[in-house]
PDB file of all heavy atoms in Angstrom:
ATOM      1  N   TRP A   1       0.836  -1.205   0.000  1.00  0.00           N
ATOM      2  CA  TRP A   1       0.000   0.000   0.000  1.00  0.00           C
ATOM      3  C   TRP A   1       0.868   1.252   0.000  1.00  0.00           C
ATOM      4  O   TRP A   1       1.904   1.315   0.660  1.00  0.00           O
ATOM      5  CB  TRP A   1      -0.910  -0.008   1.239  1.00  0.00           C
ATOM      6  CG  TRP A   1      -1.755   1.215   1.347  1.00  0.00           C
ATOM      7  CD1 TRP A   1      -2.979   1.410   0.800  1.00  0.00           C
ATOM      8  CD2 TRP A   1      -1.421   2.418   2.037  1.00  0.00           C
ATOM      9  NE1 TRP A   1      -3.440   2.672   1.099  1.00  0.00           N
ATOM     10  CE2 TRP A   1      -2.488   3.308   1.865  1.00  0.00           C
ATOM     11  CE3 TRP A   1      -0.326   2.853   2.772  1.00  0.00           C
ATOM     12  CZ2 TRP A   1      -2.505   4.581   2.399  1.00  0.00           C
ATOM     13  CZ3 TRP A   1      -0.330   4.125   3.303  1.00  0.00           C
ATOM     14  CH2 TRP A   1      -1.413   4.973   3.120  1.00  0.00           C
ATOM     15  N   LYS A   2       0.434   2.285  -0.734  1.00  0.00           N
ATOM     16  CA  LYS A   2       1.118   3.582  -0.753  1.00  0.00           C
ATOM     17  C   LYS A   2       0.093   4.693  -0.675  1.00  0.00           C
ATOM     18  O   LYS A   2      -0.977   4.605  -1.288  1.00  0.00           O
ATOM     19  CB  LYS A   2       1.924   3.755  -2.048  1.00  0.00           C
ATOM     20  CG  LYS A   2       3.103   2.820  -2.150  1.00  0.00           C
ATOM     21  CD  LYS A   2       3.896   3.097  -3.403  1.00  0.00           C
ATOM     22  CE  LYS A   2       5.081   2.138  -3.486  1.00  0.00           C
ATOM     23  NZ  LYS A   2       5.931   2.416  -4.642  1.00  0.00           N
ATOM     24  N   ALA A   3       0.430   5.729   0.055  1.00  0.00           N
ATOM     25  CA  ALA A   3      -0.424   6.915   0.121  1.00  0.00           C
ATOM     26  C   ALA A   3      -0.278   7.703  -1.174  1.00  0.00           C
ATOM     27  O   ALA A   3       0.755   7.645  -1.842  1.00  0.00           O
ATOM     28  CB  ALA A   3      -0.025   7.792   1.307  1.00  0.00           C
ATOM     29  N   GLU A   4      -1.295   8.444  -1.508  1.00  0.00           N
ATOM     30  CA  GLU A   4      -1.243   9.328  -2.671  1.00  0.00           C
ATOM     31  C   GLU A   4      -0.259  10.467  -2.358  1.00  0.00           C
ATOM     32  O   GLU A   4      -0.384  11.129  -1.333  1.00  0.00           O
ATOM     33  CB  GLU A   4      -2.639   9.907  -2.932  1.00  0.00           C
ATOM     34  CG  GLU A   4      -2.756  10.737  -4.166  1.00  0.00           C
ATOM     35  CD  GLU A   4      -2.691   9.924  -5.444  1.00  0.00           C
ATOM     36  OE1 GLU A   4      -3.104   8.757  -5.432  1.00  0.00           O
ATOM     37  OE2 GLU A   4      -2.207  10.474  -6.437  1.00  0.00           O
ATOM     38  N   PRO A   5       0.750  10.688  -3.188  1.00  0.00           N
ATOM     39  CA  PRO A   5       1.693  11.781  -2.942  1.00  0.00           C
ATOM     40  C   PRO A   5       0.955  13.117  -2.860  1.00  0.00           C
ATOM     41  O   PRO A   5      -0.030  13.345  -3.574  1.00  0.00           O
ATOM     42  CB  PRO A   5       2.621  11.749  -4.161  1.00  0.00           C
ATOM     43  CG  PRO A   5       2.520  10.353  -4.667  1.00  0.00           C
ATOM     44  CD  PRO A   5       1.107   9.930  -4.397  1.00  0.00           C
ATOM     45  N   SER A   6       1.430  13.996  -1.971  1.00  0.00           N
ATOM     46  CA  SER A   6       0.753  15.269  -1.757  1.00  0.00           C
ATOM     47  C   SER A   6       1.753  16.326  -1.302  1.00  0.00           C
ATOM     48  O   SER A   6       2.785  16.003  -0.717  1.00  0.00           O
ATOM     49  CB  SER A   6      -0.328  15.096  -0.686  1.00  0.00           C
ATOM     50  OG  SER A   6      -0.953  16.326  -0.397  1.00  0.00           O
ATOM     51  N   THR A   7       1.403  17.573  -1.529  1.00  0.00           N
ATOM     52  CA  THR A   7       2.205  18.669  -0.984  1.00  0.00           C
ATOM     53  C   THR A   7       1.788  18.978   0.455  1.00  0.00           C
ATOM     54  O   THR A   7       2.414  19.792   1.117  1.00  0.00           O
ATOM     55  CB  THR A   7       2.057  19.936  -1.855  1.00  0.00           C
ATOM     56  OG1 THR A   7       0.672  20.281  -1.941  1.00  0.00           O
ATOM     57  CG2 THR A   7       2.621  19.710  -3.249  1.00  0.00           C
ATOM     58  N   ASP A   8       0.759  18.310   0.935  1.00  0.00           N
ATOM     59  CA  ASP A   8       0.248  18.485   2.297  1.00  0.00           C
ATOM     60  C   ASP A   8       0.598  17.248   3.132  1.00  0.00           C
ATOM     61  O   ASP A   8       0.041  16.168   2.914  1.00  0.00           O
ATOM     62  CB  ASP A   8      -1.262  18.682   2.236  1.00  0.00           C
ATOM     63  CG  ASP A   8      -1.911  18.867   3.593  1.00  0.00           C
ATOM     64  OD1 ASP A   8      -1.205  18.958   4.607  1.00  0.00           O
ATOM     65  OD2 ASP A   8      -3.157  18.919   3.632  1.00  0.00           O
ATOM     66  N   SER A   9       1.523  17.402   4.072  1.00  0.00           N
ATOM     67  CA  SER A   9       1.955  16.258   4.882  1.00  0.00           C
ATOM     68  C   SER A   9       0.812  15.687   5.721  1.00  0.00           C
ATOM     69  O   SER A   9       0.736  14.481   5.943  1.00  0.00           O
ATOM     70  CB  SER A   9       3.134  16.637   5.780  1.00  0.00           C
ATOM     71  OG  SER A   9       2.752  17.617   6.732  1.00  0.00           O
ATOM     72  N   ALA A  10      -0.100  16.545   6.173  1.00  0.00           N
ATOM     73  CA  ALA A  10      -1.216  16.080   6.995  1.00  0.00           C
ATOM     74  C   ALA A  10      -2.131  15.155   6.202  1.00  0.00           C
ATOM     75  O   ALA A  10      -2.660  14.178   6.748  1.00  0.00           O
ATOM     76  CB  ALA A  10      -1.999  17.267   7.548  1.00  0.00           C
ATOM     77  N   ALA A  11      -2.314  15.429   4.917  1.00  0.00           N
ATOM     78  CA  ALA A  11      -3.162  14.571   4.079  1.00  0.00           C
ATOM     79  C   ALA A  11      -2.573  13.170   3.979  1.00  0.00           C
ATOM     80  O   ALA A  11      -3.305  12.170   4.032  1.00  0.00           O
ATOM     81  CB  ALA A  11      -3.323  15.183   2.691  1.00  0.00           C
ATOM     82  N   VAL A  12      -1.249  13.079   3.867  1.00  0.00           N
ATOM     83  CA  VAL A  12      -0.583  11.779   3.808  1.00  0.00           C
ATOM     84  C   VAL A  12      -0.726  11.056   5.150  1.00  0.00           C
ATOM     85  O   VAL A  12      -0.993   9.857   5.189  1.00  0.00           O
ATOM     86  CB  VAL A  12       0.897  11.944   3.400  1.00  0.00           C
ATOM     87  CG1 VAL A  12       1.650  10.627   3.503  1.00  0.00           C
ATOM     88  CG2 VAL A  12       0.999  12.493   1.982  1.00  0.00           C
ATOM     89  N   ASP A  13      -0.580  11.790   6.244  1.00  0.00           N
ATOM     90  CA  ASP A  13      -0.744  11.190   7.571  1.00  0.00           C
ATOM     91  C   ASP A  13      -2.153  10.631   7.762  1.00  0.00           C
ATOM     92  O   ASP A  13      -2.323   9.545   8.324  1.00  0.00           O
ATOM     93  CB  ASP A  13      -0.439  12.213   8.663  1.00  0.00           C
ATOM     94  CG  ASP A  13       1.032  12.569   8.740  1.00  0.00           C
ATOM     95  OD1 ASP A  13       1.868  11.836   8.170  1.00  0.00           O
ATOM     96  OD2 ASP A  13       1.354  13.592   9.379  1.00  0.00           O
ATOM     97  N   VAL A  14      -3.159  11.343   7.285  1.00  0.00           N
ATOM     98  CA  VAL A  14      -4.549  10.881   7.404  1.00  0.00           C
ATOM     99  C   VAL A  14      -4.742   9.589   6.621  1.00  0.00           C
ATOM    100  O   VAL A  14      -5.388   8.648   7.095  1.00  0.00           O
ATOM    101  CB  VAL A  14      -5.537  11.974   6.938  1.00  0.00           C
ATOM    102  CG1 VAL A  14      -6.940  11.408   6.757  1.00  0.00           C
ATOM    103  CG2 VAL A  14      -5.548  13.130   7.917  1.00  0.00           C
ATOM    104  N   GLU A  15      -4.158   9.509   5.423  1.00  0.00           N
ATOM    105  CA  GLU A  15      -4.249   8.264   4.648  1.00  0.00           C
ATOM    106  C   GLU A  15      -3.600   7.107   5.389  1.00  0.00           C
ATOM    107  O   GLU A  15      -4.112   5.988   5.395  1.00  0.00           O
ATOM    108  CB  GLU A  15      -3.583   8.443   3.285  1.00  0.00           C
ATOM    109  CG  GLU A  15      -4.420   9.218   2.297  1.00  0.00           C
ATOM    110  CD  GLU A  15      -3.897   9.063   0.890  1.00  0.00           C
ATOM    111  OE1 GLU A  15      -3.805   7.919   0.410  1.00  0.00           O
ATOM    112  OE2 GLU A  15      -3.576  10.093   0.289  1.00  0.00           O
ATOM    113  N   CYS A  16      -2.448   7.358   6.026  1.00  0.00           N
ATOM    114  CA  CYS A  16      -1.771   6.306   6.798  1.00  0.00           C
ATOM    115  C   CYS A  16      -2.642   5.848   7.966  1.00  0.00           C
ATOM    116  O   CYS A  16      -2.742   4.651   8.230  1.00  0.00           O
ATOM    117  CB  CYS A  16      -0.423   6.809   7.319  1.00  0.00           C
ATOM    118  SG  CYS A  16       0.821   7.045   6.038  1.00  0.00           S
ATOM    119  N   MET A  17      -3.272   6.797   8.653  1.00  0.00           N
ATOM    120  CA  MET A  17      -4.132   6.436   9.777  1.00  0.00           C
ATOM    121  C   MET A  17      -5.329   5.612   9.307  1.00  0.00           C
ATOM    122  O   MET A  17      -5.732   4.660   9.972  1.00  0.00           O
ATOM    123  CB  MET A  17      -4.588   7.684  10.521  1.00  0.00           C
ATOM    124  CG  MET A  17      -3.469   8.323  11.326  1.00  0.00           C
ATOM    125  SD  MET A  17      -3.994   9.701  12.349  1.00  0.00           S
ATOM    126  CE  MET A  17      -4.168  10.986  11.139  1.00  0.00           C
ATOM    127  N   SER A  18      -5.870   5.960   8.136  1.00  0.00           N
ATOM    128  CA  SER A  18      -6.984   5.176   7.588  1.00  0.00           C
ATOM    129  C   SER A  18      -6.534   3.760   7.254  1.00  0.00           C
ATOM    130  O   SER A  18      -7.245   2.794   7.538  1.00  0.00           O
ATOM    131  CB  SER A  18      -7.534   5.852   6.329  1.00  0.00           C
ATOM    132  OG  SER A  18      -8.120   7.081   6.647  1.00  0.00           O
ATOM    133  N   HIS A  19      -5.352   3.624   6.649  1.00  0.00           N
ATOM    134  CA  HIS A  19      -4.830   2.294   6.311  1.00  0.00           C
ATOM    135  C   HIS A  19      -4.604   1.475   7.583  1.00  0.00           C
ATOM    136  O   HIS A  19      -4.950   0.293   7.625  1.00  0.00           O
ATOM    137  CB  HIS A  19      -3.526   2.418   5.523  1.00  0.00           C
ATOM    138  CG  HIS A  19      -2.932   1.091   5.146  1.00  0.00           C
ATOM    139  ND1 HIS A  19      -3.483   0.280   4.183  1.00  0.00           N
ATOM    140  CD2 HIS A  19      -1.838   0.431   5.623  1.00  0.00           C
ATOM    141  CE1 HIS A  19      -2.756  -0.821   4.077  1.00  0.00           C
ATOM    142  NE2 HIS A  19      -1.752  -0.765   4.940  1.00  0.00           N
ATOM    143  N   THR A  20      -4.075   2.104   8.625  1.00  0.00           N
ATOM    144  CA  THR A  20      -3.846   1.412   9.897  1.00  0.00           C
ATOM    145  C   THR A  20      -5.162   0.892  10.466  1.00  0.00           C
ATOM    146  O   THR A  20      -5.235  -0.241  10.928  1.00  0.00           O
ATOM    147  CB  THR A  20      -3.170   2.353  10.908  1.00  0.00           C
ATOM    148  OG1 THR A  20      -1.878   2.676  10.416  1.00  0.00           O
ATOM    149  CG2 THR A  20      -3.027   1.727  12.275  1.00  0.00           C
ATOM    150  N   GLY A  21      -6.200   1.723  10.417  1.00  0.00           N
ATOM    151  CA  GLY A  21      -7.500   1.323  10.939  1.00  0.00           C
ATOM    152  C   GLY A  21      -8.103   0.151  10.192  1.00  0.00           C
ATOM    153  O   GLY A  21      -8.781  -0.687  10.776  1.00  0.00           O
ATOM    154  N   LEU A  22      -7.853   0.066   8.886  1.00  0.00           N
ATOM    155  CA  LEU A  22      -8.424  -1.009   8.076  1.00  0.00           C
ATOM    156  C   LEU A  22      -7.608  -2.291   8.135  1.00  0.00           C
ATOM    157  O   LEU A  22      -8.151  -3.388   8.031  1.00  0.00           O
ATOM    158  CB  LEU A  22      -8.531  -0.549   6.611  1.00  0.00           C
ATOM    159  CG  LEU A  22      -9.493   0.598   6.336  1.00  0.00           C
ATOM    160  CD1 LEU A  22      -9.341   1.073   4.889  1.00  0.00           C
ATOM    161  CD2 LEU A  22     -10.925   0.167   6.607  1.00  0.00           C
ATOM    162  N   SER A  23      -6.290  -2.171   8.291  1.00  0.00           N
ATOM    163  CA  SER A  23      -5.418  -3.342   8.153  1.00  0.00           C
ATOM    164  C   SER A  23      -4.670  -3.717   9.422  1.00  0.00           C
ATOM    165  O   SER A  23      -4.085  -4.786   9.492  1.00  0.00           O
ATOM    166  CB  SER A  23      -4.384  -3.068   7.057  1.00  0.00           C
ATOM    167  OG  SER A  23      -3.540  -1.999   7.474  1.00  0.00           O
ATOM    168  N   ASN A  24      -4.650  -2.817  10.404  1.00  0.00           N
ATOM    169  CA  ASN A  24      -3.868  -2.965  11.634  1.00  0.00           C
ATOM    170  C   ASN A  24      -2.361  -2.967  11.343  1.00  0.00           C
ATOM    171  O   ASN A  24      -1.569  -3.378  12.173  1.00  0.00           O
ATOM    172  CB  ASN A  24      -4.280  -4.212  12.421  1.00  0.00           C
ATOM    173  CG  ASN A  24      -3.899  -4.088  13.890  1.00  0.00           C
ATOM    174  OD1 ASN A  24      -3.856  -2.989  14.446  1.00  0.00           O
ATOM    175  ND2 ASN A  24      -3.612  -5.203  14.534  1.00  0.00           N
ATOM    176  N   HIS A  25      -1.958  -2.511  10.166  1.00  0.00           N
ATOM    177  CA  HIS A  25      -0.533  -2.326   9.853  1.00  0.00           C
ATOM    178  C   HIS A  25      -0.111  -0.988  10.452  1.00  0.00           C
ATOM    179  O   HIS A  25      -0.717   0.034  10.173  1.00  0.00           O
ATOM    180  CB  HIS A  25      -0.299  -2.321   8.341  1.00  0.00           C
ATOM    181  CG  HIS A  25      -0.605  -3.621   7.685  1.00  0.00           C
ATOM    182  ND1 HIS A  25      -0.705  -3.748   6.317  1.00  0.00           N
ATOM    183  CD2 HIS A  25      -0.827  -4.857   8.198  1.00  0.00           C
ATOM    184  CE1 HIS A  25      -0.969  -5.005   6.017  1.00  0.00           C
ATOM    185  NE2 HIS A  25      -1.064  -5.697   7.149  1.00  0.00           N
ATOM    186  N   ARG A  26       0.934  -0.985  11.252  1.00  0.00           N
ATOM    187  CA  ARG A  26       1.286   0.224  12.003  1.00  0.00           C
ATOM    188  C   ARG A  26       2.611   0.854  11.611  1.00  0.00           C
ATOM    189  O   ARG A  26       2.967   1.895  12.137  1.00  0.00           O
ATOM    190  CB  ARG A  26       1.296  -0.100  13.491  1.00  0.00           C
ATOM    191  CG  ARG A  26      -0.069  -0.529  13.961  1.00  0.00           C
ATOM    192  CD  ARG A  26      -0.075  -0.853  15.418  1.00  0.00           C
ATOM    193  NE  ARG A  26      -1.404  -1.316  15.789  1.00  0.00           N
ATOM    194  CZ  ARG A  26      -1.718  -1.728  16.983  1.00  0.00           C
ATOM    195  NH1 ARG A  26      -0.812  -1.777  17.926  1.00  0.00           N
ATOM    196  NH2 ARG A  26      -2.937  -2.123  17.232  1.00  0.00           N
ATOM    197  N   GLY A  27       3.356   0.232  10.708  1.00  0.00           N
ATOM    198  CA  GLY A  27       4.659   0.781  10.329  1.00  0.00           C
ATOM    199  C   GLY A  27       4.619   1.365   8.925  1.00  0.00           C
ATOM    200  O   GLY A  27       4.136   0.734   7.987  1.00  0.00           O
ATOM    201  N   PHE A  28       5.134   2.577   8.781  1.00  0.00           N
ATOM    202  CA  PHE A  28       5.150   3.252   7.493  1.00  0.00           C
ATOM    203  C   PHE A  28       6.512   3.868   7.236  1.00  0.00           C
ATOM    204  O   PHE A  28       7.181   4.333   8.162  1.00  0.00           O
ATOM    205  CB  PHE A  28       4.102   4.377   7.442  1.00  0.00           C
ATOM    206  CG  PHE A  28       2.699   3.876   7.561  1.00  0.00           C
ATOM    207  CD1 PHE A  28       2.100   3.760   8.808  1.00  0.00           C
ATOM    208  CD2 PHE A  28       1.987   3.491   6.450  1.00  0.00           C
ATOM    209  CE1 PHE A  28       0.823   3.281   8.932  1.00  0.00           C
ATOM    210  CE2 PHE A  28       0.704   3.003   6.560  1.00  0.00           C
ATOM    211  CZ  PHE A  28       0.110   2.896   7.804  1.00  0.00           C
ATOM    212  N   ARG A  29       6.906   3.878   5.998  1.00  0.00           N
ATOM    213  CA  ARG A  29       8.102   4.600   5.564  1.00  0.00           C
ATOM    214  C   ARG A  29       7.599   5.908   4.973  1.00  0.00           C
ATOM    215  O   ARG A  29       6.754   5.916   4.077  1.00  0.00           O
ATOM    216  CB  ARG A  29       8.851   3.789   4.510  1.00  0.00           C
ATOM    217  CG  ARG A  29      10.059   4.508   3.967  1.00  0.00           C
ATOM    218  CD  ARG A  29      10.839   3.557   3.034  1.00  0.00           C
ATOM    219  NE  ARG A  29      11.941   4.268   2.460  1.00  0.00           N
ATOM    220  CZ  ARG A  29      12.052   4.572   1.167  1.00  0.00           C
ATOM    221  NH1 ARG A  29      11.125   4.185   0.324  1.00  0.00           N
ATOM    222  NH2 ARG A  29      13.091   5.229   0.721  1.00  0.00           N
ATOM    223  N   ARG A  30       8.095   7.036   5.499  1.00  0.00           N
ATOM    224  CA  ARG A  30       7.667   8.341   5.002  1.00  0.00           C
ATOM    225  C   ARG A  30       8.818   9.011   4.274  1.00  0.00           C
ATOM    226  O   ARG A  30       9.963   8.924   4.699  1.00  0.00           O
ATOM    227  CB  ARG A  30       7.173   9.207   6.150  1.00  0.00           C
ATOM    228  CG  ARG A  30       5.950   8.644   6.775  1.00  0.00           C
ATOM    229  CD  ARG A  30       5.409   9.373   7.978  1.00  0.00           C
ATOM    230  NE  ARG A  30       5.990  10.641   8.273  1.00  0.00           N
ATOM    231  CZ  ARG A  30       5.330  11.645   8.839  1.00  0.00           C
ATOM    232  NH1 ARG A  30       4.072  11.491   9.147  1.00  0.00           N
ATOM    233  NH2 ARG A  30       5.930  12.760   9.113  1.00  0.00           N
ATOM    234  N   MET A  31       8.496   9.669   3.173  1.00  0.00           N
ATOM    235  CA  MET A  31       9.504  10.352   2.369  1.00  0.00           C
ATOM    236  C   MET A  31       9.054  11.787   2.117  1.00  0.00           C
ATOM    237  O   MET A  31       7.866  12.048   1.945  1.00  0.00           O
ATOM    238  CB  MET A  31       9.675   9.672   0.999  1.00  0.00           C
ATOM    239  CG  MET A  31      10.337   8.324   0.988  1.00  0.00           C
ATOM    240  SD  MET A  31       9.315   6.848   1.213  1.00  0.00           S
ATOM    241  CE  MET A  31       7.857   7.057   0.318  1.00  0.00           C
ATOM    242  N   CYS A  32      10.013  12.672   2.097  1.00  0.00           N
ATOM    243  CA  CYS A  32       9.765  14.071   1.763  1.00  0.00           C
ATOM    244  C   CYS A  32      10.786  14.443   0.687  1.00  0.00           C
ATOM    245  O   CYS A  32      11.992  14.309   0.898  1.00  0.00           O
ATOM    246  CB  CYS A  32       9.925  14.944   2.996  1.00  0.00           C
ATOM    247  SG  CYS A  32       9.685  16.682   2.647  1.00  0.00           S
ATOM    248  N   THR A  33      10.294  14.877  -0.454  1.00  0.00           N
ATOM    249  CA  THR A  33      11.171  15.180  -1.578  1.00  0.00           C
ATOM    250  C   THR A  33      11.034  16.647  -1.949  1.00  0.00           C
ATOM    251  O   THR A  33       9.916  17.164  -2.053  1.00  0.00           O
ATOM    252  CB  THR A  33      10.792  14.317  -2.808  1.00  0.00           C
ATOM    253  OG1 THR A  33      10.792  12.960  -2.423  1.00  0.00           O
ATOM    254  CG2 THR A  33      11.755  14.531  -3.948  1.00  0.00           C
ATOM    255  N   SER A  34      12.153  17.297  -2.138  1.00  0.00           N
ATOM    256  CA  SER A  34      12.124  18.679  -2.624  1.00  0.00           C
ATOM    257  C   SER A  34      12.944  18.757  -3.908  1.00  0.00           C
ATOM    258  O   SER A  34      13.822  17.928  -4.151  1.00  0.00           O
ATOM    259  CB  SER A  34      12.673  19.638  -1.573  1.00  0.00           C
ATOM    260  OG  SER A  34      14.032  19.386  -1.331  1.00  0.00           O
ATOM    261  N   PHE A  35      12.645  19.739  -4.717  1.00  0.00           N
ATOM    262  CA  PHE A  35      13.339  19.938  -5.978  1.00  0.00           C
ATOM    263  C   PHE A  35      13.934  21.334  -6.005  1.00  0.00           C
ATOM    264  O   PHE A  35      13.362  22.263  -5.450  1.00  0.00           O
ATOM    265  CB  PHE A  35      12.383  19.761  -7.160  1.00  0.00           C
ATOM    266  CG  PHE A  35      11.824  18.378  -7.254  1.00  0.00           C
ATOM    267  CD1 PHE A  35      10.609  18.062  -6.673  1.00  0.00           C
ATOM    268  CD2 PHE A  35      12.522  17.385  -7.914  1.00  0.00           C
ATOM    269  CE1 PHE A  35      10.094  16.774  -6.746  1.00  0.00           C
ATOM    270  CE2 PHE A  35      12.023  16.096  -7.996  1.00  0.00           C
ATOM    271  CZ  PHE A  35      10.799  15.807  -7.401  1.00  0.00           C
ATOM    272  N   ALA A  36      15.057  21.469  -6.656  1.00  0.00           N
ATOM    273  CA  ALA A  36      15.707  22.770  -6.795  1.00  0.00           C
ATOM    274  C   ALA A  36      16.165  22.955  -8.226  1.00  0.00           C
ATOM    275  O   ALA A  36      16.595  22.008  -8.879  1.00  0.00           O
ATOM    276  CB  ALA A  36      16.898  22.874  -5.841  1.00  0.00           C
ATOM    277  N   MET A  37      16.075  24.170  -8.695  1.00  0.00           N
ATOM    278  CA  MET A  37      16.596  24.529 -10.006  1.00  0.00           C
ATOM    279  C   MET A  37      17.891  25.300  -9.746  1.00  0.00           C
ATOM    280  O   MET A  37      17.905  26.227  -8.954  1.00  0.00           O
ATOM    281  CB  MET A  37      15.609  25.418 -10.755  1.00  0.00           C
ATOM    282  CG  MET A  37      14.272  24.776 -11.018  1.00  0.00           C
ATOM    283  SD  MET A  37      14.156  23.809 -12.505  1.00  0.00           S
ATOM    284  CE  MET A  37      14.722  24.858 -13.763  1.00  0.00           C
ATOM    285  N   VAL A  38      18.939  24.892 -10.404  1.00  0.00           N
ATOM    286  CA  VAL A  38      20.242  25.542 -10.220  1.00  0.00           C
ATOM    287  C   VAL A  38      20.657  26.177 -11.532  1.00  0.00           C
ATOM    288  O   VAL A  38      20.621  25.551 -12.585  1.00  0.00           O
ATOM    289  CB  VAL A  38      21.299  24.509  -9.759  1.00  0.00           C
ATOM    290  CG1 VAL A  38      22.664  25.157  -9.608  1.00  0.00           C
ATOM    291  CG2 VAL A  38      20.859  23.835  -8.481  1.00  0.00           C
ATOM    292  N   VAL A  39      21.026  27.458 -11.452  1.00  0.00           N
ATOM    293  CA  VAL A  39      21.480  28.183 -12.626  1.00  0.00           C
ATOM    294  C   VAL A  39      22.919  28.601 -12.383  1.00  0.00           C
ATOM    295  O   VAL A  39      23.249  29.204 -11.351  1.00  0.00           O
ATOM    296  CB  VAL A  39      20.603  29.432 -12.880  1.00  0.00           C
ATOM    297  CG1 VAL A  39      21.124  30.214 -14.096  1.00  0.00           C
ATOM    298  CG2 VAL A  39      19.151  29.019 -13.067  1.00  0.00           C
TER     299      VAL A  39
END
């Protein structure tokens, strides 16, 4: 299972909590990615 990527961290957390409630799976890997343009 994977959460829908979002610019809102709280939205991802809510999806994880919903998955936990349905599956009793309690461990998640969280990633935060940023992009930069270099000139």
